[in-house]
Amino acid sequence: MRRRAHNFRTSDVYKQALKSVRTLISAGKKEDAQKLLPALQKALDKATKVGVIKANKASRLKSRIAAALTLKK
């Protein structure tokens, strides 16, 4: 049960960070989204490290967010 709770917390952290960055990008606040990008990358790396998500998924999400930031400029 502890592992499930830990995995849920780790998953929730990266999902919330992803949601907040995507919301800022869609609202056109690219500077604020850029400031949150390191926190998102850290959360994705941590989720990958503990095995909550696979490395390719983390890489894909990082790449798509970075592309969205450059397209919105």
C-alpha atoms as a PDB file:
ATOM      1  CA  MET A   1       0.000   0.000   0.000  1.00  0.00           C
ATOM      2  CA  ARG A   2       2.852   2.393   0.717  1.00  0.00           C
ATOM      3  CA  ARG A   3       4.333   1.877  -2.744  1.00  0.00           C
ATOM      4  CA  ARG A   4       0.980   2.591  -4.382  1.00  0.00           C
ATOM      5  CA  ALA A   5       0.592   5.798  -2.379  1.00  0.00           C
ATOM      6  CA  HIS A   6       4.144   6.877  -3.205  1.00  0.00           C
ATOM      7  CA  ASN A   7       3.632   6.184  -6.908  1.00  0.00           C
ATOM      8  CA  PHE A   8       0.370   8.118  -6.835  1.00  0.00           C
ATOM      9  CA  ARG A   9       2.036  11.146  -5.228  1.00  0.00           C
ATOM     10  CA  THR A  10       4.884  11.068  -7.735  1.00  0.00           C
ATOM     11  CA  SER A  11       2.456  10.750 -10.622  1.00  0.00           C
ATOM     12  CA  ASP A  12       0.270  13.538  -9.271  1.00  0.00           C
ATOM     13  CA  VAL A  13       3.221  15.925  -8.958  1.00  0.00           C
ATOM     14  CA  TYR A  14       4.250  15.580 -12.589  1.00  0.00           C
ATOM     15  CA  LYS A  15       0.661  15.684 -13.844  1.00  0.00           C
ATOM     16  CA  GLN A  16      -0.087  18.884 -11.931  1.00  0.00           C
ATOM     17  CA  ALA A  17       3.116  20.503 -13.188  1.00  0.00           C
ATOM     18  CA  LEU A  18       2.280  19.480 -16.750  1.00  0.00           C
ATOM     19  CA  LYS A  19      -1.247  20.811 -16.438  1.00  0.00           C
ATOM     20  CA  SER A  20      -0.106  24.176 -15.086  1.00  0.00           C
ATOM     21  CA  VAL A  21       2.499  24.615 -17.854  1.00  0.00           C
ATOM     22  CA  ARG A  22      -0.016  23.664 -20.556  1.00  0.00           C
ATOM     23  CA  THR A  23      -2.571  26.072 -19.101  1.00  0.00           C
ATOM     24  CA  LEU A  24      -0.062  28.928 -19.143  1.00  0.00           C
ATOM     25  CA  ILE A  25       0.977  28.138 -22.712  1.00  0.00           C
ATOM     26  CA  SER A  26      -2.613  28.124 -23.928  1.00  0.00           C
ATOM     27  CA  ALA A  27      -3.244  31.409 -22.096  1.00  0.00           C
ATOM     28  CA  GLY A  28      -0.272  32.971 -23.887  1.00  0.00           C
ATOM     29  CA  LYS A  29       1.817  33.485 -20.748  1.00  0.00           C
ATOM     30  CA  LYS A  30       5.006  32.013 -22.177  1.00  0.00           C
ATOM     31  CA  GLU A  31       7.328  33.731 -19.675  1.00  0.00           C
ATOM     32  CA  ASP A  32       5.507  32.176 -16.719  1.00  0.00           C
ATOM     33  CA  ALA A  33       5.445  28.795 -18.443  1.00  0.00           C
ATOM     34  CA  GLN A  34       9.183  29.081 -19.091  1.00  0.00           C
ATOM     35  CA  LYS A  35       9.753  29.658 -15.367  1.00  0.00           C
ATOM     36  CA  LEU A  36       7.823  26.493 -14.487  1.00  0.00           C
ATOM     37  CA  LEU A  37       9.640  24.365 -17.074  1.00  0.00           C
ATOM     38  CA  PRO A  38      12.534  23.312 -14.771  1.00  0.00           C
ATOM     39  CA  ALA A  39      10.072  22.141 -12.110  1.00  0.00           C
ATOM     40  CA  LEU A  40       8.204  20.102 -14.713  1.00  0.00           C
ATOM     41  CA  GLN A  41      11.410  18.542 -15.997  1.00  0.00           C
ATOM     42  CA  LYS A  42      12.481  17.685 -12.459  1.00  0.00           C
ATOM     43  CA  ALA A  43       9.121  16.051 -11.735  1.00  0.00           C
ATOM     44  CA  LEU A  44       9.285  14.034 -14.959  1.00  0.00           C
ATOM     45  CA  ASP A  45      12.849  12.915 -14.242  1.00  0.00           C
ATOM     46  CA  LYS A  46      11.900  11.852 -10.731  1.00  0.00           C
ATOM     47  CA  ALA A  47       8.858   9.923 -11.986  1.00  0.00           C
ATOM     48  CA  THR A  48      11.115   8.179 -14.493  1.00  0.00           C
ATOM     49  CA  LYS A  49      13.732   7.398 -11.880  1.00  0.00           C
ATOM     50  CA  VAL A  50      11.283   5.675  -9.542  1.00  0.00           C
ATOM     51  CA  GLY A  51       9.561   3.845 -12.404  1.00  0.00           C
ATOM     52  CA  VAL A  52       6.202   5.607 -12.470  1.00  0.00           C
ATOM     53  CA  ILE A  53       6.603   6.460 -16.171  1.00  0.00           C
ATOM     54  CA  LYS A  54       8.984   5.231 -18.828  1.00  0.00           C
ATOM     55  CA  ALA A  55      11.936   7.283 -20.036  1.00  0.00           C
ATOM     56  CA  ASN A  56      10.548   7.674 -23.548  1.00  0.00           C
ATOM     57  CA  LYS A  57       7.299   9.134 -22.226  1.00  0.00           C
ATOM     58  CA  ALA A  58       9.169  11.670 -20.121  1.00  0.00           C
ATOM     59  CA  SER A  59      11.338  12.602 -23.076  1.00  0.00           C
ATOM     60  CA  ARG A  60       8.298  12.924 -25.337  1.00  0.00           C
ATOM     61  CA  LEU A  61       6.460  15.168 -22.877  1.00  0.00           C
ATOM     62  CA  LYS A  62       9.511  17.412 -22.397  1.00  0.00           C
ATOM     63  CA  SER A  63       9.985  17.697 -26.135  1.00  0.00           C
ATOM     64  CA  ARG A  64       6.359  18.562 -26.815  1.00  0.00           C
ATOM     65  CA  ILE A  65       6.254  21.220 -24.102  1.00  0.00           C
ATOM     66  CA  ALA A  66       9.502  22.773 -25.373  1.00  0.00           C
ATOM     67  CA  ALA A  67       8.114  22.788 -28.923  1.00  0.00           C
ATOM     68  CA  ALA A  68       4.880  24.379 -27.740  1.00  0.00           C
ATOM     69  CA  LEU A  69       6.843  27.117 -25.980  1.00  0.00           C
ATOM     70  CA  THR A  70       8.841  27.921 -29.091  1.00  0.00           C
ATOM     71  CA  LEU A  71       5.768  27.900 -31.328  1.00  0.00           C
ATOM     72  CA  LYS A  72       3.886  30.324 -29.077  1.00  0.00           C
ATOM     73  CA  LYS A  73       6.670  32.937 -29.181  1.00  0.00           C
END
